[in-house]
Amino acid sequence: MSSDPWGRVDETGTVYVRTADGEQVVGSWQAGTPEEALAYFERKYEGLVVEIGLLERRVRTTDLSAKDALTAIEHLRTQVDEHHAVGDLQALRERLDALVSTVESRREERKAAKARQADEARQAKEKLVAEAEELAASEQWRAAGERLRALVDTWKGLPRLDRKTDDELWHRFSHARSAFSKRRKAHFASLDAQREEARKAKEKLVAEAEALSGSTDWAATAARYRELMQEWKAAGRAQREHEDDLWNRFRGAQDVFFQARSEVFAERDAEQRENLTRKEELAAEAEKLLPVTDLKAARAAFRGINERWEAIGHVPRDARPRIEGRMHAVERAIQDAEEAEWRRTNPEARARAAGLTGQLQDAVDKLRQQIDAARAAGNTAKADKLGRELEGRQALLDQALKGLEEFGG
């Protein structure tokens, strides 16, 4: 018979392990010496020690779930309880019990961390909703629109909450975005309607100005032209494609009248030369407003300059195109700045520009693939032909990209 502190083998080859509850049968060994039998079951014990050690490390260093960890612990506990190894089985049970406590503790920690994360995500989403609802009333169409798009990206990066809370917050968030979009659309629709009304009003003013151009009732007609100019300014801007043509006709009709009047009142040449000097000073003052860096300030300053300009009266006929051209160039630059601002805040124009750019980019990419395929097939002529077509499409794409930059990307 052979034995060690944790087990023994009797004369029949039965192997026992010593436990706190007494000896327990481990198994039977008939294939060799008792020492070999003990060594075999001691190795099985060492195997359990290794497995428990590995599981302890996984629990400590990996994100092994509590469910999987407890399943593995119970599997090892069953092996220990079946007494098929020789060694300190009670020590193994105690390690497994301690590991159960560790797993339960980590499960509670994870549960608490998950709750904290959910609370942080809820607060973050509530903050996004509050900002979106505030932006919904904004009239900073471009800046607010860009900020709302950024908020959507931030929302997508946050974890989901419970379904009821998440759905309620998303409904508020989405409603705020929709409200802003409807207001923005209504704003630009109203702006378009105003420009159409301005066009109609200016058409009538042009018609009257052209009808008066042949009048010889100098004082009354000149007074009426001044009134027409005030009405022109009050009418607002028409669509860009109509504004310049209407202005040229309107101004041209006045030029015909005032040219005739100047010929009749040649004695006023001296006064008109003095007017020219004063208008040249105003033109120089107006030109200092360029380039436009503060649109609102430039518009107000030009309005004041223009009011003084209109109060001065006429200049010699041969100097009028030059001096008025200088003022009109400043006015055109300010109007262009207004047009650029309007275009940048026009979501429909931005969408059209982005769509065209995407189509051209797809066409360029497709042509490049076809060129590569033709070259790979040794078809140089086809590749060269496609290359010339690619140059044309690339030029269009570059132009479209440049246009898209006007919208701030």
Protein backbone atom coordinates (compact mmCIF):
# COMPACT_ATOMS: atom_id res chain seq x y z
CA MET A 1 0.00 0.00 0.00
CA SER A 2 1.23 3.52 -0.84
CA SER A 3 0.12 6.99 0.50
CA ASP A 4 0.87 10.73 0.66
CA PRO A 5 -0.67 13.57 2.77
CA TRP A 6 -3.74 13.79 0.45
CA GLY A 7 -4.34 10.24 -0.72
CA ARG A 8 -3.47 6.57 -0.62
CA VAL A 9 -3.78 3.34 -2.58
CA ASP A 10 -4.87 0.17 -0.83
CA GLU A 11 -3.84 -3.40 -1.62
CA THR A 12 -6.71 -3.82 -4.10
CA GLY A 13 -5.57 -0.83 -6.20
CA THR A 14 -8.37 1.47 -4.99
CA VAL A 15 -7.25 5.09 -4.80
CA TYR A 16 -8.56 7.38 -2.01
CA VAL A 17 -8.38 11.11 -1.42
CA ARG A 18 -8.48 12.61 2.08
CA THR A 19 -11.11 15.33 2.68
CA ALA A 20 -12.63 17.06 5.69
CA ASP A 21 -15.48 14.56 5.48
CA GLY A 22 -13.14 11.60 5.45
CA GLU A 23 -11.64 9.52 2.68
CA GLN A 24 -13.38 9.45 -0.66
CA VAL A 25 -12.78 6.93 -3.43
CA VAL A 26 -11.00 8.48 -6.37
CA GLY A 27 -10.79 5.49 -8.68
CA SER A 28 -9.14 2.14 -9.27
CA TRP A 29 -5.59 1.57 -10.56
CA GLN A 30 -4.50 -1.82 -11.89
CA ALA A 31 -2.00 -0.83 -14.55
CA GLY A 32 1.08 -0.15 -12.42
CA THR A 33 2.50 0.58 -9.00
CA PRO A 34 0.62 2.42 -6.26
CA GLU A 35 3.08 5.32 -6.62
CA GLU A 36 2.16 5.61 -10.29
CA ALA A 37 -1.51 5.58 -9.34
CA LEU A 38 -1.06 8.45 -6.87
CA ALA A 39 1.08 10.36 -9.37
CA TYR A 40 -1.63 9.98 -12.02
CA PHE A 41 -4.42 11.38 -9.82
CA GLU A 42 -2.13 14.09 -8.46
CA ARG A 43 -1.56 15.21 -12.05
CA LYS A 44 -5.32 15.37 -12.49
CA TYR A 45 -5.41 17.60 -9.40
CA GLU A 46 -2.72 19.83 -10.87
CA GLY A 47 -4.79 20.02 -14.03
CA LEU A 48 -7.73 21.33 -12.00
CA VAL A 49 -5.41 23.85 -10.34
CA VAL A 50 -4.30 25.07 -13.76
CA GLU A 51 -7.87 25.32 -15.07
CA ILE A 52 -9.02 27.28 -12.01
CA GLY A 53 -6.02 29.58 -12.35
CA LEU A 54 -6.82 30.23 -16.00
CA LEU A 55 -10.45 30.99 -15.17
CA GLU A 56 -9.38 33.34 -12.38
CA ARG A 57 -7.19 35.19 -14.87
CA ARG A 58 -9.99 35.41 -17.46
CA VAL A 59 -12.36 36.84 -14.87
CA ARG A 60 -9.73 39.35 -13.77
CA THR A 61 -8.37 40.48 -17.13
CA THR A 62 -11.11 40.00 -19.76
CA ASP A 63 -14.73 41.03 -20.28
CA LEU A 64 -15.98 37.46 -19.71
CA SER A 65 -19.68 37.68 -18.93
CA ALA A 66 -20.93 36.74 -15.47
CA LYS A 67 -23.15 34.05 -16.96
CA ASP A 68 -20.29 32.35 -18.80
CA ALA A 69 -17.99 32.70 -15.80
CA LEU A 70 -20.50 31.07 -13.42
CA THR A 71 -21.10 28.25 -15.90
CA ALA A 72 -17.36 27.58 -16.05
CA ILE A 73 -17.09 27.68 -12.24
CA GLU A 74 -19.89 25.14 -11.83
CA HIS A 75 -18.25 22.90 -14.40
CA LEU A 76 -14.99 22.94 -12.41
CA ARG A 77 -16.84 22.54 -9.12
CA THR A 78 -18.49 19.38 -10.46
CA GLN A 79 -15.08 17.98 -11.36
CA VAL A 80 -13.77 18.77 -7.88
CA ASP A 81 -16.84 17.28 -6.17
CA GLU A 82 -16.55 14.07 -8.17
CA HIS A 83 -13.24 13.32 -6.34
CA HIS A 84 -11.32 12.14 -9.38
CA ALA A 85 -8.09 13.80 -8.23
CA VAL A 86 -5.72 13.60 -5.28
CA GLY A 87 -4.88 16.88 -3.56
CA ASP A 88 -6.35 19.64 -1.38
CA LEU A 89 -9.84 19.58 -2.88
CA GLN A 90 -11.19 21.87 -0.17
CA ALA A 91 -8.68 24.55 -1.19
CA LEU A 92 -9.99 24.29 -4.73
CA ARG A 93 -13.57 24.66 -3.50
CA GLU A 94 -12.59 27.74 -1.52
CA ARG A 95 -10.91 29.27 -4.59
CA LEU A 96 -14.05 28.57 -6.61
CA ASP A 97 -16.22 30.12 -3.86
CA ALA A 98 -13.99 33.21 -3.85
CA LEU A 99 -14.20 33.36 -7.63
CA VAL A 100 -18.01 33.26 -7.44
CA SER A 101 -17.88 36.28 -5.09
CA THR A 102 -15.56 38.08 -7.49
CA VAL A 103 -17.85 37.40 -10.44
CA GLU A 104 -20.92 38.58 -8.54
CA SER A 105 -19.08 41.72 -7.45
CA ARG A 106 -17.99 42.45 -11.00
CA ARG A 107 -21.52 41.84 -12.23
CA GLU A 108 -22.83 44.45 -9.80
CA GLU A 109 -20.05 46.85 -10.83
CA ARG A 110 -20.91 46.37 -14.49
CA LYS A 111 -24.59 46.83 -13.74
CA ALA A 112 -23.83 50.07 -11.89
CA ALA A 113 -21.52 51.24 -14.71
CA LYS A 114 -24.19 50.45 -17.28
CA ALA A 115 -26.72 52.43 -15.24
CA ARG A 116 -24.30 55.37 -15.05
CA GLN A 117 -23.69 55.20 -18.79
CA ALA A 118 -27.42 55.10 -19.47
CA ASP A 119 -27.97 58.11 -17.21
CA GLU A 120 -25.13 60.02 -18.92
CA ALA A 121 -26.55 59.13 -22.35
CA ARG A 122 -30.03 60.24 -21.26
CA GLN A 123 -28.67 63.58 -20.00
CA ALA A 124 -26.65 64.03 -23.20
CA LYS A 125 -29.72 63.36 -25.36
CA GLU A 126 -31.88 65.66 -23.26
CA LYS A 127 -29.27 68.37 -23.78
CA LEU A 128 -29.32 67.76 -27.55
CA VAL A 129 -33.12 67.94 -27.56
CA ALA A 130 -33.10 71.21 -25.60
CA GLU A 131 -30.62 72.79 -28.02
CA ALA A 132 -32.57 71.52 -31.06
CA GLU A 133 -35.81 72.98 -29.68
CA GLU A 134 -34.05 76.32 -29.15
CA LEU A 135 -32.63 76.24 -32.68
CA ALA A 136 -36.08 75.49 -34.08
CA ALA A 137 -37.01 79.16 -33.49
CA SER A 138 -33.79 80.57 -34.99
CA GLU A 139 -33.66 82.74 -38.09
CA GLN A 140 -29.95 82.15 -38.62
CA TRP A 141 -30.88 79.74 -41.38
CA ARG A 142 -27.41 78.61 -42.44
CA ALA A 143 -25.75 78.44 -39.01
CA ALA A 144 -28.76 76.81 -37.32
CA GLY A 145 -29.14 74.28 -40.15
CA GLU A 146 -25.48 73.28 -39.90
CA ARG A 147 -25.70 73.00 -36.10
CA LEU A 148 -28.79 70.77 -36.32
CA ARG A 149 -26.95 68.45 -38.72
CA ALA A 150 -24.05 68.30 -36.25
CA LEU A 151 -26.50 67.45 -33.44
CA VAL A 152 -27.83 64.52 -35.50
CA ASP A 153 -24.29 63.16 -35.87
CA THR A 154 -23.74 63.53 -32.12
CA TRP A 155 -27.04 61.75 -31.42
CA LYS A 156 -26.03 58.81 -33.63
CA GLY A 157 -22.84 58.40 -31.60
CA LEU A 158 -24.68 58.05 -28.28
CA PRO A 159 -25.90 54.67 -26.95
CA ARG A 160 -29.59 53.80 -27.06
CA LEU A 161 -31.69 54.15 -23.92
CA ASP A 162 -34.68 52.10 -22.96
CA ARG A 163 -37.10 52.09 -25.87
CA LYS A 164 -39.78 54.32 -24.30
CA THR A 165 -37.35 57.05 -23.18
CA ASP A 166 -35.33 56.92 -26.39
CA ASP A 167 -38.45 57.15 -28.57
CA GLU A 168 -39.85 60.10 -26.59
CA LEU A 169 -36.58 62.07 -26.81
CA TRP A 170 -36.14 61.26 -30.49
CA HIS A 171 -39.70 62.40 -31.19
CA ARG A 172 -38.98 65.80 -29.59
CA PHE A 173 -35.63 66.03 -31.37
CA SER A 174 -37.14 65.14 -34.75
CA HIS A 175 -40.07 67.50 -34.24
CA ALA A 176 -37.68 70.41 -33.54
CA ARG A 177 -35.74 69.69 -36.74
CA SER A 178 -38.95 69.46 -38.77
CA ALA A 179 -40.25 72.73 -37.32
CA PHE A 180 -37.03 74.51 -38.27
CA SER A 181 -37.09 73.04 -41.80
CA LYS A 182 -40.69 74.16 -42.32
CA ARG A 183 -39.90 77.68 -41.12
CA ARG A 184 -36.81 77.89 -43.30
CA LYS A 185 -38.73 76.67 -46.35
CA ALA A 186 -41.52 79.16 -45.67
CA HIS A 187 -38.95 81.96 -45.29
CA PHE A 188 -37.35 81.35 -48.65
CA ALA A 189 -40.71 80.84 -50.31
CA SER A 190 -41.76 84.21 -48.91
CA LEU A 191 -38.52 85.77 -50.14
CA ASP A 192 -39.14 84.41 -53.63
CA ALA A 193 -42.68 85.76 -53.54
CA GLN A 194 -41.41 89.19 -52.44
CA ARG A 195 -38.95 89.27 -55.33
CA GLU A 196 -41.69 88.38 -57.78
CA GLU A 197 -43.82 91.22 -56.39
CA ALA A 198 -40.82 93.54 -56.71
CA ARG A 199 -40.40 92.49 -60.36
CA LYS A 200 -44.03 93.27 -61.14
CA ALA A 201 -43.82 96.64 -59.38
CA LYS A 202 -40.62 97.58 -61.22
CA GLU A 203 -42.13 96.56 -64.56
CA LYS A 204 -44.82 99.18 -63.96
CA LEU A 205 -42.24 101.76 -62.91
CA VAL A 206 -40.20 101.07 -66.04
CA ALA A 207 -43.27 101.42 -68.23
CA GLU A 208 -44.11 104.82 -66.70
CA ALA A 209 -40.48 105.98 -66.86
CA GLU A 210 -40.30 105.08 -70.56
CA ALA A 211 -43.60 106.87 -71.23
CA LEU A 212 -42.27 110.03 -69.54
CA SER A 213 -38.93 110.01 -71.34
CA GLY A 214 -40.19 112.28 -74.15
CA SER A 215 -41.91 114.83 -71.88
CA THR A 216 -40.93 118.52 -72.08
CA ASP A 217 -42.67 119.42 -68.82
CA TRP A 218 -39.28 119.65 -67.16
CA ALA A 219 -40.15 120.45 -63.55
CA ALA A 220 -43.15 118.14 -63.16
CA THR A 221 -41.53 115.26 -65.02
CA ALA A 222 -38.26 115.59 -63.12
CA ALA A 223 -40.25 115.57 -59.87
CA ARG A 224 -42.10 112.48 -61.01
CA TYR A 225 -38.84 110.76 -61.89
CA ARG A 226 -37.60 111.45 -58.37
CA GLU A 227 -40.79 109.90 -57.01
CA LEU A 228 -40.35 106.92 -59.32
CA MET A 229 -36.81 106.48 -57.99
CA GLN A 230 -38.09 106.43 -54.42
CA GLU A 231 -40.75 103.90 -55.43
CA TRP A 232 -38.05 101.87 -57.16
CA LYS A 233 -36.00 101.70 -53.98
CA ALA A 234 -39.06 100.89 -51.88
CA ALA A 235 -40.05 98.07 -54.22
CA GLY A 236 -37.11 95.90 -53.11
CA ARG A 237 -34.98 93.67 -55.28
CA ALA A 238 -36.39 91.53 -58.07
CA GLN A 239 -34.86 88.21 -59.12
CA ARG A 240 -31.27 88.66 -60.18
CA GLU A 241 -31.93 87.66 -63.78
CA HIS A 242 -34.48 90.52 -64.09
CA GLU A 243 -33.00 93.22 -61.86
CA ASP A 244 -30.21 94.47 -64.12
CA ASP A 245 -32.37 94.58 -67.25
CA LEU A 246 -35.15 96.45 -65.45
CA TRP A 247 -32.67 98.89 -63.98
CA ASN A 248 -31.04 99.56 -67.35
CA ARG A 249 -34.42 100.29 -68.92
CA PHE A 250 -35.50 102.45 -65.99
CA ARG A 251 -32.27 104.41 -65.92
CA GLY A 252 -32.16 104.62 -69.69
CA ALA A 253 -35.63 106.23 -69.82
CA GLN A 254 -34.55 108.82 -67.25
CA ASP A 255 -31.35 109.46 -69.20
CA VAL A 256 -33.34 110.27 -72.32
CA PHE A 257 -35.45 112.80 -70.44
CA PHE A 258 -32.65 114.41 -68.48
CA GLN A 259 -30.41 114.57 -71.51
CA ALA A 260 -33.09 116.51 -73.36
CA ARG A 261 -33.63 118.75 -70.38
CA SER A 262 -29.89 119.39 -70.12
CA GLU A 263 -29.77 120.49 -73.72
CA VAL A 264 -32.57 122.95 -73.05
CA PHE A 265 -31.06 124.23 -69.83
CA ALA A 266 -27.51 124.66 -71.02
CA GLU A 267 -27.08 127.53 -68.58
CA ARG A 268 -27.11 125.01 -65.79
CA ASP A 269 -23.81 123.55 -66.97
CA ALA A 270 -21.88 125.32 -64.24
CA GLU A 271 -24.19 123.93 -61.58
CA GLN A 272 -23.87 120.46 -63.08
CA ARG A 273 -20.08 120.70 -63.05
CA GLU A 274 -20.24 121.51 -59.37
CA ASN A 275 -22.60 118.54 -58.94
CA LEU A 276 -20.02 116.39 -60.69
CA THR A 277 -17.32 117.42 -58.23
CA ARG A 278 -19.58 116.57 -55.28
CA LYS A 279 -20.63 113.25 -56.80
CA GLU A 280 -17.00 112.35 -57.48
CA GLU A 281 -16.35 112.89 -53.78
CA LEU A 282 -19.33 110.68 -52.91
CA ALA A 283 -18.19 108.02 -55.42
CA ALA A 284 -14.75 107.98 -53.80
CA GLU A 285 -16.42 107.71 -50.38
CA ALA A 286 -18.57 104.84 -51.64
CA GLU A 287 -15.60 103.04 -53.18
CA LYS A 288 -13.94 102.97 -49.76
CA LEU A 289 -16.70 100.55 -48.70
CA LEU A 290 -15.13 97.89 -50.94
CA PRO A 291 -14.34 95.15 -50.53
CA VAL A 292 -17.48 94.37 -48.51
CA THR A 293 -16.52 92.83 -45.16
CA ASP A 294 -19.53 93.89 -43.07
CA LEU A 295 -22.61 93.62 -45.31
CA LYS A 296 -25.02 95.32 -42.94
CA ALA A 297 -22.69 98.27 -42.27
CA ALA A 298 -21.81 98.62 -45.97
CA ARG A 299 -25.47 98.59 -46.97
CA ALA A 300 -26.35 101.28 -44.40
CA ALA A 301 -23.37 103.44 -45.35
CA PHE A 302 -24.14 103.15 -49.06
CA ARG A 303 -27.76 104.03 -48.44
CA GLY A 304 -26.67 107.25 -46.70
CA ILE A 305 -24.20 108.08 -49.47
CA ASN A 306 -26.84 107.38 -52.12
CA GLU A 307 -29.35 109.65 -50.40
CA ARG A 308 -26.82 112.49 -50.52
CA TRP A 309 -26.07 111.52 -54.13
CA GLU A 310 -29.72 111.78 -55.16
CA ALA A 311 -30.05 115.14 -53.40
CA ILE A 312 -27.22 116.64 -55.44
CA GLY A 313 -28.91 116.63 -58.84
CA HIS A 314 -27.57 116.00 -62.32
CA VAL A 315 -24.06 116.20 -63.69
CA PRO A 316 -22.86 117.05 -67.23
CA ARG A 317 -24.16 114.49 -69.69
CA ASP A 318 -20.76 113.34 -70.91
CA ALA A 319 -19.58 112.66 -67.33
CA ARG A 320 -22.72 110.85 -66.20
CA PRO A 321 -21.88 107.32 -67.45
CA ARG A 322 -18.47 107.43 -65.81
CA ILE A 323 -19.54 108.82 -62.43
CA GLU A 324 -22.73 106.78 -62.21
CA GLY A 325 -20.78 103.73 -63.34
CA ARG A 326 -18.54 104.13 -60.32
CA MET A 327 -21.49 104.28 -57.95
CA HIS A 328 -23.31 101.47 -59.71
CA ALA A 329 -20.18 99.30 -59.44
CA VAL A 330 -20.22 99.78 -55.67
CA GLU A 331 -23.97 99.07 -55.55
CA ARG A 332 -23.48 95.98 -57.70
CA ALA A 333 -20.73 94.72 -55.38
CA ILE A 334 -23.01 95.16 -52.35
CA GLN A 335 -25.88 93.46 -54.21
CA ASP A 336 -23.55 90.61 -55.20
CA ALA A 337 -22.60 90.21 -51.54
CA GLU A 338 -26.34 90.06 -50.71
CA GLU A 339 -26.88 87.49 -53.46
CA ALA A 340 -23.94 85.41 -52.22
CA GLU A 341 -25.35 85.46 -48.69
CA TRP A 342 -28.79 84.45 -49.98
CA ARG A 343 -27.33 81.63 -52.07
CA ARG A 344 -25.33 80.34 -49.11
CA THR A 345 -28.51 80.15 -47.04
CA ASN A 346 -30.64 78.59 -49.80
CA PRO A 347 -30.92 74.86 -48.94
CA GLU A 348 -32.57 73.97 -52.27
CA ALA A 349 -29.74 75.51 -54.29
CA ARG A 350 -27.20 73.76 -52.07
CA ALA A 351 -28.97 70.44 -52.62
CA ARG A 352 -28.99 70.94 -56.40
CA ALA A 353 -25.29 71.84 -56.42
CA ALA A 354 -24.42 68.83 -54.27
CA GLY A 355 -26.52 66.52 -56.48
CA LEU A 356 -24.84 67.74 -59.67
CA THR A 357 -21.42 67.36 -58.09
CA GLY A 358 -22.22 63.79 -57.05
CA GLN A 359 -23.39 62.89 -60.58
CA LEU A 360 -20.27 64.35 -62.16
CA GLN A 361 -18.04 62.58 -59.63
CA ASP A 362 -19.71 59.26 -60.46
CA ALA A 363 -19.17 59.90 -64.18
CA VAL A 364 -15.47 60.74 -63.64
CA ASP A 365 -14.95 57.62 -61.51
CA LYS A 366 -16.67 55.43 -64.13
CA LEU A 367 -14.54 56.88 -66.95
CA ARG A 368 -11.36 56.23 -65.00
CA GLN A 369 -12.37 52.61 -64.51
CA GLN A 370 -13.11 52.26 -68.23
CA ILE A 371 -9.72 53.79 -69.12
CA ASP A 372 -7.92 51.38 -66.79
CA ALA A 373 -9.83 48.47 -68.33
CA ALA A 374 -9.01 49.60 -71.88
CA ARG A 375 -5.34 49.95 -71.07
CA ALA A 376 -5.27 46.58 -69.37
CA ALA A 377 -6.80 45.09 -72.54
CA GLY A 378 -4.16 46.82 -74.67
CA ASN A 379 -6.76 49.05 -76.39
CA THR A 380 -4.73 52.27 -76.43
CA ALA A 381 -6.98 54.05 -78.91
CA LYS A 382 -10.06 53.53 -76.76
CA ALA A 383 -8.15 54.57 -73.65
CA ASP A 384 -7.03 57.80 -75.35
CA LYS A 385 -10.58 58.57 -76.52
CA LEU A 386 -11.96 57.98 -73.04
CA GLY A 387 -9.13 60.10 -71.65
CA ARG A 388 -10.25 63.09 -73.73
CA GLU A 389 -13.81 62.61 -72.51
CA LEU A 390 -12.51 62.39 -68.93
CA GLU A 391 -10.77 65.77 -69.30
CA GLY A 392 -14.08 67.40 -70.21
CA ARG A 393 -15.98 65.76 -67.38
CA GLN A 394 -13.22 66.62 -64.89
CA ALA A 395 -13.39 70.27 -65.94
CA LEU A 396 -17.15 70.28 -65.32
CA LEU A 397 -16.63 68.57 -61.95
CA ASP A 398 -14.01 71.14 -60.91
CA GLN A 399 -16.43 73.93 -61.84
CA ALA A 400 -19.26 72.27 -59.89
CA LEU A 401 -17.01 71.80 -56.85
CA LYS A 402 -16.04 75.46 -56.98
CA GLY A 403 -19.73 76.39 -57.06
CA LEU A 404 -20.45 74.09 -54.13
CA GLU A 405 -17.77 75.87 -52.08
CA GLU A 406 -19.94 79.00 -52.22
CA PHE A 407 -22.37 77.20 -49.93
CA GLY A 408 -19.70 76.57 -47.33
CA GLY A 409 -19.13 72.93 -48.60
